[in-house]
Amino acid sequence: MPATRRPRKGSMGYSPRKRASSITARIQTWPEGGDDAKLQGFAGYKAGMTHAFIVDFRAKSTTAGQEVRIPVTVLEVPPMKVCAVRFYQETAYGKKAIGEVWSKSIDKELARRLPIPKDYDEKAGWTEAEKLEYDDIRALLYTQPVLVSGLPKKKPELMEIRVGGSKMEDRLNYAKSVLGKSVTIKDFTKEGEMVDVSSITKGRGWQGVTKRWGTKLLMHKNSKHRRLIGTLGTKRPNYVRHTVPQGGQRGFHQRTELNKRVLKIGDNGEDITPKGGFINYGIVKNSYVLVHGSVPGSSKRIVRLREPVRLTGVLKLAEPPQITFISLESKQGV
């Protein structure tokens, strides 16, 4: 008789499928290299999606040089502020923070996130930092949600972003120059470049095994139920293994999409806001970024951008993509 073969149901690539611990995505891997010192990340808020027509820049495509219709995601990216610079040292157990320097000019809204010392000597902090033996430099940045009309919050998000560059001296000088100041999306990337996007997906709550894992329905002769798993496993070991598909949390997971192209960066949000505003968001009033394709998460969700870590086989453009049309029609469905 032929050997029976029954592959397991669902992918274990994203397990365990539990709720994210924070609404702000965490980035643990940063790309190396780069000549000029700069910030390797930024953050914005997802406003919504629309469609646009661009001139196909792929030379080997059947529509090369012609207008093609693509989906785009609009991210509102108000300026971020640098509140501190942190120094790391490589150890046998990974990177270890050995010192940091804070800015004296910090907005009062940051006090909603963490306690801020009143009397802090920034010059003394830099004096102590010069004595350290560090291997990496990162900056602490916080968002300004008070500038976004579509967000009902004042509490900023605080995140750590690596300061990239080939020379440590240039990275240190750049960190000194931006401490306590505002940085924009143009300090991070430009039109036509690729970025990695990290965010928290839409939460779906508790879902059954069939919707969560895509298992096959039981046969119609099965008693009382069809949308359950057929068996929880073998008799021994006498416990249920974690590889058995079961019901539970679906959505609200951190996901990262690699190599998303930045199509456009604008300063006036009115140029991109559709009639009636974006659904569940409203009007874009700050700087914005047009990203090719979709982005994880719902509207108003904080989205983190990062320099690509797996930039292989991606077409590099000498000029920004040529956008001929952006749809501003109402998304209300009327």
C-alpha atoms as a PDB file:
ATOM      1  CA  MET A   1       0.000   0.000   0.000  1.00  0.00           C
ATOM      2  CA  PRO A   2       1.194   3.537  -0.618  1.00  0.00           C
ATOM      3  CA  ALA A   3       2.489   5.500   2.330  1.00  0.00           C
ATOM      4  CA  THR A   4      -0.024   7.904   3.796  1.00  0.00           C
ATOM      5  CA  ARG A   5       1.010  11.537   3.944  1.00  0.00           C
ATOM      6  CA  ARG A   6      -0.833  14.291   5.722  1.00  0.00           C
ATOM      7  CA  PRO A   7       0.986  17.627   6.101  1.00  0.00           C
ATOM      8  CA  ARG A   8       0.121  19.691   9.129  1.00  0.00           C
ATOM      9  CA  LYS A   9      -2.348  22.575   8.804  1.00  0.00           C
ATOM     10  CA  GLY A  10      -1.170  26.168   8.985  1.00  0.00           C
ATOM     11  CA  SER A  11       2.268  27.734   9.152  1.00  0.00           C
ATOM     12  CA  MET A  12       4.234  27.834  12.377  1.00  0.00           C
ATOM     13  CA  GLY A  13       6.408  30.631  11.026  1.00  0.00           C
ATOM     14  CA  TYR A  14       4.708  33.311  13.130  1.00  0.00           C
ATOM     15  CA  SER A  15       4.007  31.368  16.296  1.00  0.00           C
ATOM     16  CA  PRO A  16       3.200  31.951  19.076  1.00  0.00           C
ATOM     17  CA  ARG A  17       0.254  33.979  17.854  1.00  0.00           C
ATOM     18  CA  LYS A  18      -0.362  36.124  20.894  1.00  0.00           C
ATOM     19  CA  ARG A  19      -1.105  39.807  21.303  1.00  0.00           C
ATOM     20  CA  ALA A  20       1.765  42.236  20.891  1.00  0.00           C
ATOM     21  CA  SER A  21       3.136  43.578  24.156  1.00  0.00           C
ATOM     22  CA  SER A  22       3.124  47.180  22.908  1.00  0.00           C
ATOM     23  CA  ILE A  23       1.272  49.216  20.281  1.00  0.00           C
ATOM     24  CA  THR A  24       4.675  50.477  19.093  1.00  0.00           C
ATOM     25  CA  ALA A  25       6.650  47.956  17.064  1.00  0.00           C
ATOM     26  CA  ARG A  26      10.109  47.032  18.327  1.00  0.00           C
ATOM     27  CA  ILE A  27      13.066  46.898  15.950  1.00  0.00           C
ATOM     28  CA  GLN A  28      15.976  44.711  17.018  1.00  0.00           C
ATOM     29  CA  THR A  29      17.974  44.528  13.772  1.00  0.00           C
ATOM     30  CA  TRP A  30      19.570  47.503  12.051  1.00  0.00           C
ATOM     31  CA  PRO A  31      21.545  47.513   8.787  1.00  0.00           C
ATOM     32  CA  GLU A  32      25.274  48.103   8.789  1.00  0.00           C
ATOM     33  CA  GLY A  33      27.234  50.286   6.405  1.00  0.00           C
ATOM     34  CA  GLY A  34      26.476  53.647   4.882  1.00  0.00           C
ATOM     35  CA  ASP A  35      28.949  56.449   4.345  1.00  0.00           C
ATOM     36  CA  ASP A  36      27.175  59.489   5.763  1.00  0.00           C
ATOM     37  CA  ALA A  37      26.003  59.620   9.360  1.00  0.00           C
ATOM     38  CA  LYS A  38      22.208  59.681   9.595  1.00  0.00           C
ATOM     39  CA  LEU A  39      19.239  58.257  11.433  1.00  0.00           C
ATOM     40  CA  GLN A  40      18.298  54.815  10.195  1.00  0.00           C
ATOM     41  CA  GLY A  41      14.643  54.988  11.080  1.00  0.00           C
ATOM     42  CA  PHE A  42      11.551  57.140  11.470  1.00  0.00           C
ATOM     43  CA  ALA A  43       7.915  56.808  12.507  1.00  0.00           C
ATOM     44  CA  GLY A  44       4.535  58.004  11.309  1.00  0.00           C
ATOM     45  CA  TYR A  45       0.817  57.312  11.517  1.00  0.00           C
ATOM     46  CA  LYS A  46      -1.238  55.353   9.020  1.00  0.00           C
ATOM     47  CA  ALA A  47      -3.912  57.559   7.472  1.00  0.00           C
ATOM     48  CA  GLY A  48      -5.340  55.216   4.858  1.00  0.00           C
ATOM     49  CA  MET A  49      -4.999  53.959   1.290  1.00  0.00           C
ATOM     50  CA  THR A  50      -5.748  55.233  -2.179  1.00  0.00           C
ATOM     51  CA  HIS A  51      -4.542  54.503  -5.708  1.00  0.00           C
ATOM     52  CA  ALA A  52      -2.233  56.285  -8.102  1.00  0.00           C
ATOM     53  CA  PHE A  53      -0.924  56.086 -11.640  1.00  0.00           C
ATOM     54  CA  ILE A  54       2.834  55.996 -12.156  1.00  0.00           C
ATOM     55  CA  VAL A  55       5.104  55.475 -15.140  1.00  0.00           C
ATOM     56  CA  ASP A  56       6.382  51.911 -14.955  1.00  0.00           C
ATOM     57  CA  PHE A  57      10.104  52.159 -14.229  1.00  0.00           C
ATOM     58  CA  ARG A  58      10.849  48.435 -14.677  1.00  0.00           C
ATOM     59  CA  ALA A  59      12.868  48.140 -17.879  1.00  0.00           C
ATOM     60  CA  LYS A  60      11.987  44.482 -18.526  1.00  0.00           C
ATOM     61  CA  SER A  61       8.294  44.822 -17.765  1.00  0.00           C
ATOM     62  CA  THR A  62       5.680  44.443 -20.501  1.00  0.00           C
ATOM     63  CA  THR A  63       4.322  47.855 -19.456  1.00  0.00           C
ATOM     64  CA  ALA A  64       7.702  49.618 -19.252  1.00  0.00           C
ATOM     65  CA  GLY A  65       7.302  53.343 -19.832  1.00  0.00           C
ATOM     66  CA  GLN A  66       3.512  53.147 -19.621  1.00  0.00           C
ATOM     67  CA  GLU A  67       1.130  54.312 -16.921  1.00  0.00           C
ATOM     68  CA  VAL A  68       0.172  51.599 -14.448  1.00  0.00           C
ATOM     69  CA  ARG A  69      -2.314  51.728 -11.610  1.00  0.00           C
ATOM     70  CA  ILE A  70      -0.938  50.811  -8.181  1.00  0.00           C
ATOM     71  CA  PRO A  71      -2.240  50.863  -4.590  1.00  0.00           C
ATOM     72  CA  VAL A  72      -0.519  53.277  -2.214  1.00  0.00           C
ATOM     73  CA  THR A  73      -0.606  53.849   1.543  1.00  0.00           C
ATOM     74  CA  VAL A  74      -0.527  57.352   3.021  1.00  0.00           C
ATOM     75  CA  LEU A  75       1.486  57.860   6.214  1.00  0.00           C
ATOM     76  CA  GLU A  76       1.390  61.149   8.072  1.00  0.00           C
ATOM     77  CA  VAL A  77       4.890  61.856   9.381  1.00  0.00           C
ATOM     78  CA  PRO A  78       5.098  64.953  11.609  1.00  0.00           C
ATOM     79  CA  PRO A  79       8.570  65.928  12.856  1.00  0.00           C
ATOM     80  CA  MET A  80      10.117  63.870  15.637  1.00  0.00           C
ATOM     81  CA  LYS A  81      12.355  65.176  18.407  1.00  0.00           C
ATOM     82  CA  VAL A  82      15.598  63.714  19.733  1.00  0.00           C
ATOM     83  CA  CYS A  83      15.576  63.641  23.535  1.00  0.00           C
ATOM     84  CA  ALA A  84      18.660  61.514  24.278  1.00  0.00           C
ATOM     85  CA  VAL A  85      21.685  59.741  22.862  1.00  0.00           C
ATOM     86  CA  ARG A  86      22.544  56.262  24.138  1.00  0.00           C
ATOM     87  CA  PHE A  87      25.844  54.382  23.916  1.00  0.00           C
ATOM     88  CA  TYR A  88      26.201  50.603  23.657  1.00  0.00           C
ATOM     89  CA  GLN A  89      29.071  48.198  24.153  1.00  0.00           C
ATOM     90  CA  GLU A  90      29.382  44.718  22.652  1.00  0.00           C
ATOM     91  CA  THR A  91      29.562  42.003  25.310  1.00  0.00           C
ATOM     92  CA  ALA A  92      29.439  38.231  25.340  1.00  0.00           C
ATOM     93  CA  TYR A  93      25.706  38.506  26.043  1.00  0.00           C
ATOM     94  CA  GLY A  94      24.917  41.044  23.329  1.00  0.00           C
ATOM     95  CA  LYS A  95      24.808  44.822  23.390  1.00  0.00           C
ATOM     96  CA  LYS A  96      24.769  46.533  26.769  1.00  0.00           C
ATOM     97  CA  ALA A  97      23.867  50.174  27.416  1.00  0.00           C
ATOM     98  CA  ILE A  98      26.763  51.849  29.215  1.00  0.00           C
ATOM     99  CA  GLY A  99      25.718  55.506  29.166  1.00  0.00           C
ATOM    100  CA  GLU A 100      23.415  58.140  27.766  1.00  0.00           C
ATOM    101  CA  VAL A 101      23.117  61.896  27.398  1.00  0.00           C
ATOM    102  CA  TRP A 102      19.779  63.673  27.661  1.00  0.00           C
ATOM    103  CA  SER A 103      18.728  67.008  26.250  1.00  0.00           C
ATOM    104  CA  LYS A 104      17.684  69.954  28.369  1.00  0.00           C
ATOM    105  CA  SER A 105      14.997  71.062  25.897  1.00  0.00           C
ATOM    106  CA  ILE A 106      12.288  68.392  26.142  1.00  0.00           C
ATOM    107  CA  ASP A 107       8.587  68.948  25.552  1.00  0.00           C
ATOM    108  CA  LYS A 108       6.307  68.659  28.550  1.00  0.00           C
ATOM    109  CA  GLU A 109       4.200  66.008  26.748  1.00  0.00           C
ATOM    110  CA  LEU A 110       7.047  63.515  27.162  1.00  0.00           C
ATOM    111  CA  ALA A 111       6.387  63.579  30.917  1.00  0.00           C
ATOM    112  CA  ARG A 112       3.262  61.545  30.141  1.00  0.00           C
ATOM    113  CA  ARG A 113       5.544  58.723  29.029  1.00  0.00           C
ATOM    114  CA  LEU A 114       8.332  58.785  31.645  1.00  0.00           C
ATOM    115  CA  PRO A 115       9.633  61.033  34.448  1.00  0.00           C
ATOM    116  CA  ILE A 116      11.892  63.843  33.238  1.00  0.00           C
ATOM    117  CA  PRO A 117      14.624  65.235  35.505  1.00  0.00           C
ATOM    118  CA  LYS A 118      14.321  68.967  36.087  1.00  0.00           C
ATOM    119  CA  ASP A 119      17.950  69.809  36.769  1.00  0.00           C
ATOM    120  CA  TYR A 120      20.140  68.015  34.251  1.00  0.00           C
ATOM    121  CA  ASP A 121      23.603  69.132  33.144  1.00  0.00           C
ATOM    122  CA  GLU A 122      23.950  68.279  29.468  1.00  0.00           C
ATOM    123  CA  LYS A 123      27.580  69.388  29.271  1.00  0.00           C
ATOM    124  CA  ALA A 124      28.530  67.127  32.155  1.00  0.00           C
ATOM    125  CA  GLY A 125      26.742  64.279  30.409  1.00  0.00           C
ATOM    126  CA  TRP A 126      28.847  64.713  27.275  1.00  0.00           C
ATOM    127  CA  THR A 127      31.991  64.905  29.398  1.00  0.00           C
ATOM    128  CA  GLU A 128      31.192  61.533  30.903  1.00  0.00           C
ATOM    129  CA  ALA A 129      30.277  60.096  27.511  1.00  0.00           C
ATOM    130  CA  GLU A 130      33.670  60.958  26.046  1.00  0.00           C
ATOM    131  CA  LYS A 131      35.292  58.629  28.588  1.00  0.00           C
ATOM    132  CA  LEU A 132      33.225  55.632  27.502  1.00  0.00           C
ATOM    133  CA  GLU A 133      34.407  52.830  25.239  1.00  0.00           C
ATOM    134  CA  TYR A 134      31.367  52.178  23.070  1.00  0.00           C
ATOM    135  CA  ASP A 135      30.675  50.240  19.887  1.00  0.00           C
ATOM    136  CA  ASP A 136      27.295  51.621  18.857  1.00  0.00           C
ATOM    137  CA  ILE A 137      25.359  54.885  19.083  1.00  0.00           C
ATOM    138  CA  ARG A 138      21.600  55.181  19.102  1.00  0.00           C
ATOM    139  CA  ALA A 139      19.209  58.062  19.565  1.00  0.00           C
ATOM    140  CA  LEU A 140      15.985  58.217  21.572  1.00  0.00           C
ATOM    141  CA  LEU A 141      13.234  59.947  19.617  1.00  0.00           C
ATOM    142  CA  TYR A 142       9.629  60.691  20.484  1.00  0.00           C
ATOM    143  CA  THR A 143       6.679  61.490  18.267  1.00  0.00           C
ATOM    144  CA  GLN A 144       4.405  64.530  18.421  1.00  0.00           C
ATOM    145  CA  PRO A 145       0.818  63.257  18.220  1.00  0.00           C
ATOM    146  CA  VAL A 146      -0.498  66.655  19.312  1.00  0.00           C
ATOM    147  CA  LEU A 147       0.267  67.877  15.781  1.00  0.00           C
ATOM    148  CA  VAL A 148      -1.958  65.212  14.212  1.00  0.00           C
ATOM    149  CA  SER A 149      -5.631  66.122  14.055  1.00  0.00           C
ATOM    150  CA  GLY A 150      -6.733  62.534  13.460  1.00  0.00           C
ATOM    151  CA  LEU A 151      -5.298  61.209  16.752  1.00  0.00           C
ATOM    152  CA  PRO A 152      -7.211  61.554  20.031  1.00  0.00           C
ATOM    153  CA  LYS A 153      -4.069  61.384  22.155  1.00  0.00           C
ATOM    154  CA  LYS A 154      -1.292  63.539  23.576  1.00  0.00           C
ATOM    155  CA  LYS A 155       1.016  60.867  24.955  1.00  0.00           C
ATOM    156  CA  PRO A 156       3.993  60.507  22.593  1.00  0.00           C
ATOM    157  CA  GLU A 157       5.622  57.248  21.531  1.00  0.00           C
ATOM    158  CA  LEU A 158       9.257  56.857  22.574  1.00  0.00           C
ATOM    159  CA  MET A 159      11.590  54.718  20.489  1.00  0.00           C
ATOM    160  CA  GLU A 160      15.258  53.988  19.899  1.00  0.00           C
ATOM    161  CA  ILE A 161      16.768  54.537  16.441  1.00  0.00           C
ATOM    162  CA  ARG A 162      20.304  53.682  15.415  1.00  0.00           C
ATOM    163  CA  VAL A 163      22.649  56.387  14.151  1.00  0.00           C
ATOM    164  CA  GLY A 164      24.278  54.875  11.070  1.00  0.00           C
ATOM    165  CA  GLY A 165      27.532  55.717   9.339  1.00  0.00           C
ATOM    166  CA  SER A 166      30.901  54.298   8.430  1.00  0.00           C
ATOM    167  CA  LYS A 167      32.979  56.294  10.951  1.00  0.00           C
ATOM    168  CA  MET A 168      32.239  56.400  14.671  1.00  0.00           C
ATOM    169  CA  GLU A 169      33.475  59.991  14.931  1.00  0.00           C
ATOM    170  CA  ASP A 170      30.996  61.172  12.299  1.00  0.00           C
ATOM    171  CA  ARG A 171      28.190  59.306  14.030  1.00  0.00           C
ATOM    172  CA  LEU A 172      29.031  60.967  17.346  1.00  0.00           C
ATOM    173  CA  ASN A 173      29.136  64.442  15.799  1.00  0.00           C
ATOM    174  CA  TYR A 174      25.811  63.844  14.110  1.00  0.00           C
ATOM    175  CA  ALA A 175      24.251  62.682  17.376  1.00  0.00           C
ATOM    176  CA  LYS A 176      25.484  65.867  19.069  1.00  0.00           C
ATOM    177  CA  SER A 177      24.065  68.028  16.298  1.00  0.00           C
ATOM    178  CA  VAL A 178      20.524  66.586  16.470  1.00  0.00           C
ATOM    179  CA  LEU A 179      20.187  66.218  20.249  1.00  0.00           C
ATOM    180  CA  GLY A 180      17.262  68.304  21.449  1.00  0.00           C
ATOM    181  CA  LYS A 181      16.210  69.242  17.895  1.00  0.00           C
ATOM    182  CA  SER A 182      13.468  68.205  15.494  1.00  0.00           C
ATOM    183  CA  VAL A 183      14.140  65.848  12.617  1.00  0.00           C
ATOM    184  CA  THR A 184      11.939  65.246   9.579  1.00  0.00           C
ATOM    185  CA  ILE A 185      11.308  62.347   7.253  1.00  0.00           C
ATOM    186  CA  LYS A 186      13.705  63.890   4.730  1.00  0.00           C
ATOM    187  CA  ASP A 187      16.537  63.405   7.224  1.00  0.00           C
ATOM    188  CA  PHE A 188      15.892  59.674   7.005  1.00  0.00           C
ATOM    189  CA  THR A 189      15.007  58.820   3.399  1.00  0.00           C
ATOM    190  CA  LYS A 190      14.106  60.305   0.032  1.00  0.00           C
ATOM    191  CA  GLU A 191      11.777  59.581  -2.859  1.00  0.00           C
ATOM    192  CA  GLY A 192      12.489  56.368  -4.723  1.00  0.00           C
ATOM    193  CA  GLU A 193      14.328  54.692  -1.836  1.00  0.00           C
ATOM    194  CA  MET A 194      13.339  51.406  -0.203  1.00  0.00           C
ATOM    195  CA  VAL A 195      12.319  51.027   3.449  1.00  0.00           C
ATOM    196  CA  ASP A 196      11.188  48.287   5.797  1.00  0.00           C
ATOM    197  CA  VAL A 197       7.836  48.837   7.497  1.00  0.00           C
ATOM    198  CA  SER A 198       7.013  47.499  10.976  1.00  0.00           C
ATOM    199  CA  SER A 199       3.642  47.814  12.668  1.00  0.00           C
ATOM    200  CA  ILE A 200       1.016  45.984  14.712  1.00  0.00           C
ATOM    201  CA  THR A 201      -1.666  44.303  12.622  1.00  0.00           C
ATOM    202  CA  LYS A 202      -5.408  44.717  13.058  1.00  0.00           C
ATOM    203  CA  GLY A 203      -6.771  42.877  16.081  1.00  0.00           C
ATOM    204  CA  ARG A 204      -9.385  40.207  15.331  1.00  0.00           C
ATOM    205  CA  GLY A 205      -9.910  38.938  18.865  1.00  0.00           C
ATOM    206  CA  TRP A 206     -10.473  35.269  19.684  1.00  0.00           C
ATOM    207  CA  GLN A 207     -11.045  33.131  16.614  1.00  0.00           C
ATOM    208  CA  GLY A 208     -11.660  29.442  16.103  1.00  0.00           C
ATOM    209  CA  VAL A 209      -9.185  26.931  14.788  1.00  0.00           C
ATOM    210  CA  THR A 210     -10.509  26.950  11.206  1.00  0.00           C
ATOM    211  CA  LYS A 211     -10.255  30.702  10.692  1.00  0.00           C
ATOM    212  CA  ARG A 212      -7.033  30.996  12.678  1.00  0.00           C
ATOM    213  CA  TRP A 213      -5.098  28.164  11.029  1.00  0.00           C
ATOM    214  CA  GLY A 214      -7.059  27.324   7.889  1.00  0.00           C
ATOM    215  CA  THR A 215      -7.762  23.727   8.832  1.00  0.00           C
ATOM    216  CA  LYS A 216     -10.112  21.568   6.791  1.00  0.00           C
ATOM    217  CA  LEU A 217     -13.704  21.218   7.938  1.00  0.00           C
ATOM    218  CA  LEU A 218     -14.635  17.880   9.445  1.00  0.00           C
ATOM    219  CA  MET A 219     -16.938  15.619   7.437  1.00  0.00           C
ATOM    220  CA  HIS A 220     -20.680  16.069   7.555  1.00  0.00           C
ATOM    221  CA  LYS A 221     -21.183  12.888   9.575  1.00  0.00           C
ATOM    222  CA  ASN A 222     -19.173  14.265  12.469  1.00  0.00           C
ATOM    223  CA  SER A 223     -21.214  14.742  15.630  1.00  0.00           C
ATOM    224  CA  LYS A 224     -22.135  18.215  16.902  1.00  0.00           C
ATOM    225  CA  HIS A 225     -19.318  20.208  15.297  1.00  0.00           C
ATOM    226  CA  ARG A 226     -17.413  20.671  12.043  1.00  0.00           C
ATOM    227  CA  ARG A 227     -15.115  23.634  12.699  1.00  0.00           C
ATOM    228  CA  LEU A 228     -12.936  22.004  15.349  1.00  0.00           C
ATOM    229  CA  ILE A 229      -9.638  20.176  15.106  1.00  0.00           C
ATOM    230  CA  GLY A 230      -9.990  16.427  14.585  1.00  0.00           C
ATOM    231  CA  THR A 231      -7.473  15.328  17.198  1.00  0.00           C
ATOM    232  CA  LEU A 232      -5.268  16.985  19.792  1.00  0.00           C
ATOM    233  CA  GLY A 233      -2.425  14.556  19.207  1.00  0.00           C
ATOM    234  CA  THR A 234      -1.161  11.157  20.223  1.00  0.00           C
ATOM    235  CA  LYS A 235      -1.690   9.415  23.560  1.00  0.00           C
ATOM    236  CA  ARG A 236       1.934   9.901  24.526  1.00  0.00           C
ATOM    237  CA  PRO A 237       3.279  12.333  25.474  1.00  0.00           C
ATOM    238  CA  ASN A 238       0.187  12.876  27.582  1.00  0.00           C
ATOM    239  CA  TYR A 239      -0.070  16.594  26.907  1.00  0.00           C
ATOM    240  CA  VAL A 240      -1.109  18.768  23.991  1.00  0.00           C
ATOM    241  CA  ARG A 241       1.854  19.961  21.948  1.00  0.00           C
ATOM    242  CA  HIS A 242       2.185  23.550  20.862  1.00  0.00           C
ATOM    243  CA  THR A 243       2.175  22.477  17.213  1.00  0.00           C
ATOM    244  CA  VAL A 244      -1.473  21.409  17.361  1.00  0.00           C
ATOM    245  CA  PRO A 245      -3.715  24.067  15.737  1.00  0.00           C
ATOM    246  CA  GLN A 246      -6.163  25.486  18.255  1.00  0.00           C
ATOM    247  CA  GLY A 247      -8.335  28.546  18.675  1.00  0.00           C
ATOM    248  CA  GLY A 248      -7.015  31.733  20.217  1.00  0.00           C
ATOM    249  CA  GLN A 249      -5.889  35.267  19.499  1.00  0.00           C
ATOM    250  CA  ARG A 250      -5.829  36.334  15.860  1.00  0.00           C
ATOM    251  CA  GLY A 251      -4.409  39.685  14.841  1.00  0.00           C
ATOM    252  CA  PHE A 252      -2.685  42.424  16.835  1.00  0.00           C
ATOM    253  CA  HIS A 253       0.676  40.839  16.048  1.00  0.00           C
ATOM    254  CA  GLN A 254       3.859  42.682  15.159  1.00  0.00           C
ATOM    255  CA  ARG A 255       4.736  42.200  11.500  1.00  0.00           C
ATOM    256  CA  THR A 256       7.521  43.626   9.318  1.00  0.00           C
ATOM    257  CA  GLU A 257       7.252  44.018   5.554  1.00  0.00           C
ATOM    258  CA  LEU A 258      10.552  44.297   3.724  1.00  0.00           C
ATOM    259  CA  ASN A 259      11.494  46.503   0.779  1.00  0.00           C
ATOM    260  CA  LYS A 260       8.594  48.917   0.357  1.00  0.00           C
ATOM    261  CA  ARG A 261       9.321  51.753  -2.064  1.00  0.00           C
ATOM    262  CA  VAL A 262       8.805  55.386  -1.049  1.00  0.00           C
ATOM    263  CA  LEU A 263       6.995  56.951  -3.996  1.00  0.00           C
ATOM    264  CA  LYS A 264       6.532  60.501  -2.767  1.00  0.00           C
ATOM    265  CA  ILE A 265       7.302  62.764   0.179  1.00  0.00           C
ATOM    266  CA  GLY A 266       5.178  65.902   0.554  1.00  0.00           C
ATOM    267  CA  ASP A 267       4.912  68.779   2.986  1.00  0.00           C
ATOM    268  CA  ASN A 268       1.280  69.797   2.430  1.00  0.00           C
ATOM    269  CA  GLY A 269      -1.233  67.191   3.538  1.00  0.00           C
ATOM    270  CA  GLU A 270      -4.031  68.815   1.553  1.00  0.00           C
ATOM    271  CA  ASP A 271      -2.439  67.512  -1.647  1.00  0.00           C
ATOM    272  CA  ILE A 272      -3.131  63.927  -0.612  1.00  0.00           C
ATOM    273  CA  THR A 273      -6.289  64.101   1.539  1.00  0.00           C
ATOM    274  CA  PRO A 274      -9.349  62.713  -0.332  1.00  0.00           C
ATOM    275  CA  LYS A 275     -12.729  64.373  -0.326  1.00  0.00           C
ATOM    276  CA  GLY A 276     -14.266  64.004   3.121  1.00  0.00           C
ATOM    277  CA  GLY A 277     -10.960  62.872   4.623  1.00  0.00           C
ATOM    278  CA  PHE A 278      -9.679  59.381   5.240  1.00  0.00           C
ATOM    279  CA  ILE A 279     -12.088  56.970   6.888  1.00  0.00           C
ATOM    280  CA  ASN A 280     -11.601  56.799  10.685  1.00  0.00           C
ATOM    281  CA  TYR A 281      -8.723  59.266  10.410  1.00  0.00           C
ATOM    282  CA  GLY A 282      -9.686  62.628   8.943  1.00  0.00           C
ATOM    283  CA  ILE A 283      -7.487  65.222   7.282  1.00  0.00           C
ATOM    284  CA  VAL A 284      -3.719  65.018   6.836  1.00  0.00           C
ATOM    285  CA  LYS A 285      -2.200  68.349   7.931  1.00  0.00           C
ATOM    286  CA  ASN A 286       1.513  67.524   8.290  1.00  0.00           C
ATOM    287  CA  SER A 287       4.136  66.020   6.040  1.00  0.00           C
ATOM    288  CA  TYR A 288       3.206  62.731   4.431  1.00  0.00           C
ATOM    289  CA  VAL A 289       4.800  59.725   2.741  1.00  0.00           C
ATOM    290  CA  LEU A 290       3.354  57.643  -0.090  1.00  0.00           C
ATOM    291  CA  VAL A 291       4.405  54.002   0.219  1.00  0.00           C
ATOM    292  CA  HIS A 292       3.825  51.470  -2.540  1.00  0.00           C
ATOM    293  CA  GLY A 293       1.390  48.764  -1.472  1.00  0.00           C
ATOM    294  CA  SER A 294      -0.239  48.074   1.855  1.00  0.00           C
ATOM    295  CA  VAL A 295       1.040  48.541   5.395  1.00  0.00           C
ATOM    296  CA  PRO A 296       0.106  46.413   8.427  1.00  0.00           C
ATOM    297  CA  GLY A 297      -2.300  47.848  10.964  1.00  0.00           C
ATOM    298  CA  SER A 298      -5.445  49.912  11.088  1.00  0.00           C
ATOM    299  CA  SER A 299      -5.797  53.646  10.603  1.00  0.00           C
ATOM    300  CA  LYS A 300      -4.218  55.851  13.312  1.00  0.00           C
ATOM    301  CA  ARG A 301      -1.733  53.030  14.032  1.00  0.00           C
ATOM    302  CA  ILE A 302       1.884  54.031  14.680  1.00  0.00           C
ATOM    303  CA  VAL A 303       4.123  52.755  11.853  1.00  0.00           C
ATOM    304  CA  ARG A 304       7.905  52.486  12.085  1.00  0.00           C
ATOM    305  CA  LEU A 305      10.176  52.813   9.065  1.00  0.00           C
ATOM    306  CA  ARG A 306      13.704  51.443   8.837  1.00  0.00           C
ATOM    307  CA  GLU A 307      16.478  51.267   6.290  1.00  0.00           C
ATOM    308  CA  PRO A 308      16.242  47.933   4.438  1.00  0.00           C
ATOM    309  CA  VAL A 309      18.213  45.035   5.891  1.00  0.00           C
ATOM    310  CA  ARG A 310      17.721  42.636   2.942  1.00  0.00           C
ATOM    311  CA  LEU A 311      18.160  44.858  -0.073  1.00  0.00           C
ATOM    312  CA  THR A 312      18.960  42.147  -2.624  1.00  0.00           C
ATOM    313  CA  GLY A 313      17.632  42.017  -6.169  1.00  0.00           C
ATOM    314  CA  VAL A 314      15.798  45.335  -5.782  1.00  0.00           C
ATOM    315  CA  LEU A 315      15.881  47.828  -8.642  1.00  0.00           C
ATOM    316  CA  LYS A 316      17.639  51.064  -7.704  1.00  0.00           C
ATOM    317  CA  LEU A 317      16.270  54.190  -9.343  1.00  0.00           C
ATOM    318  CA  ALA A 318      18.375  57.100 -10.529  1.00  0.00           C
ATOM    319  CA  GLU A 319      15.332  59.390 -10.379  1.00  0.00           C
ATOM    320  CA  PRO A 320      12.194  59.367  -8.223  1.00  0.00           C
ATOM    321  CA  PRO A 321       9.142  57.556  -9.648  1.00  0.00           C
ATOM    322  CA  GLN A 322       7.027  59.683 -11.969  1.00  0.00           C
ATOM    323  CA  ILE A 323       3.520  59.942 -10.514  1.00  0.00           C
ATOM    324  CA  THR A 324       0.954  61.165 -13.029  1.00  0.00           C
ATOM    325  CA  PHE A 325      -2.230  60.903 -10.971  1.00  0.00           C
ATOM    326  CA  ILE A 326      -3.281  60.379  -7.335  1.00  0.00           C
ATOM    327  CA  SER A 327      -6.912  59.627  -6.573  1.00  0.00           C
ATOM    328  CA  LEU A 328      -8.544  62.142  -4.220  1.00  0.00           C
ATOM    329  CA  GLU A 329     -12.062  60.791  -4.589  1.00  0.00           C
ATOM    330  CA  SER A 330     -14.091  60.165  -1.456  1.00  0.00           C
ATOM    331  CA  LYS A 331     -13.459  56.888   0.356  1.00  0.00           C
ATOM    332  CA  GLN A 332     -16.844  57.009   2.100  1.00  0.00           C
ATOM    333  CA  GLY A 333     -18.445  54.683  -0.434  1.00  0.00           C
ATOM    334  CA  VAL A 334     -21.004  57.163  -1.771  1.00  0.00           C
END
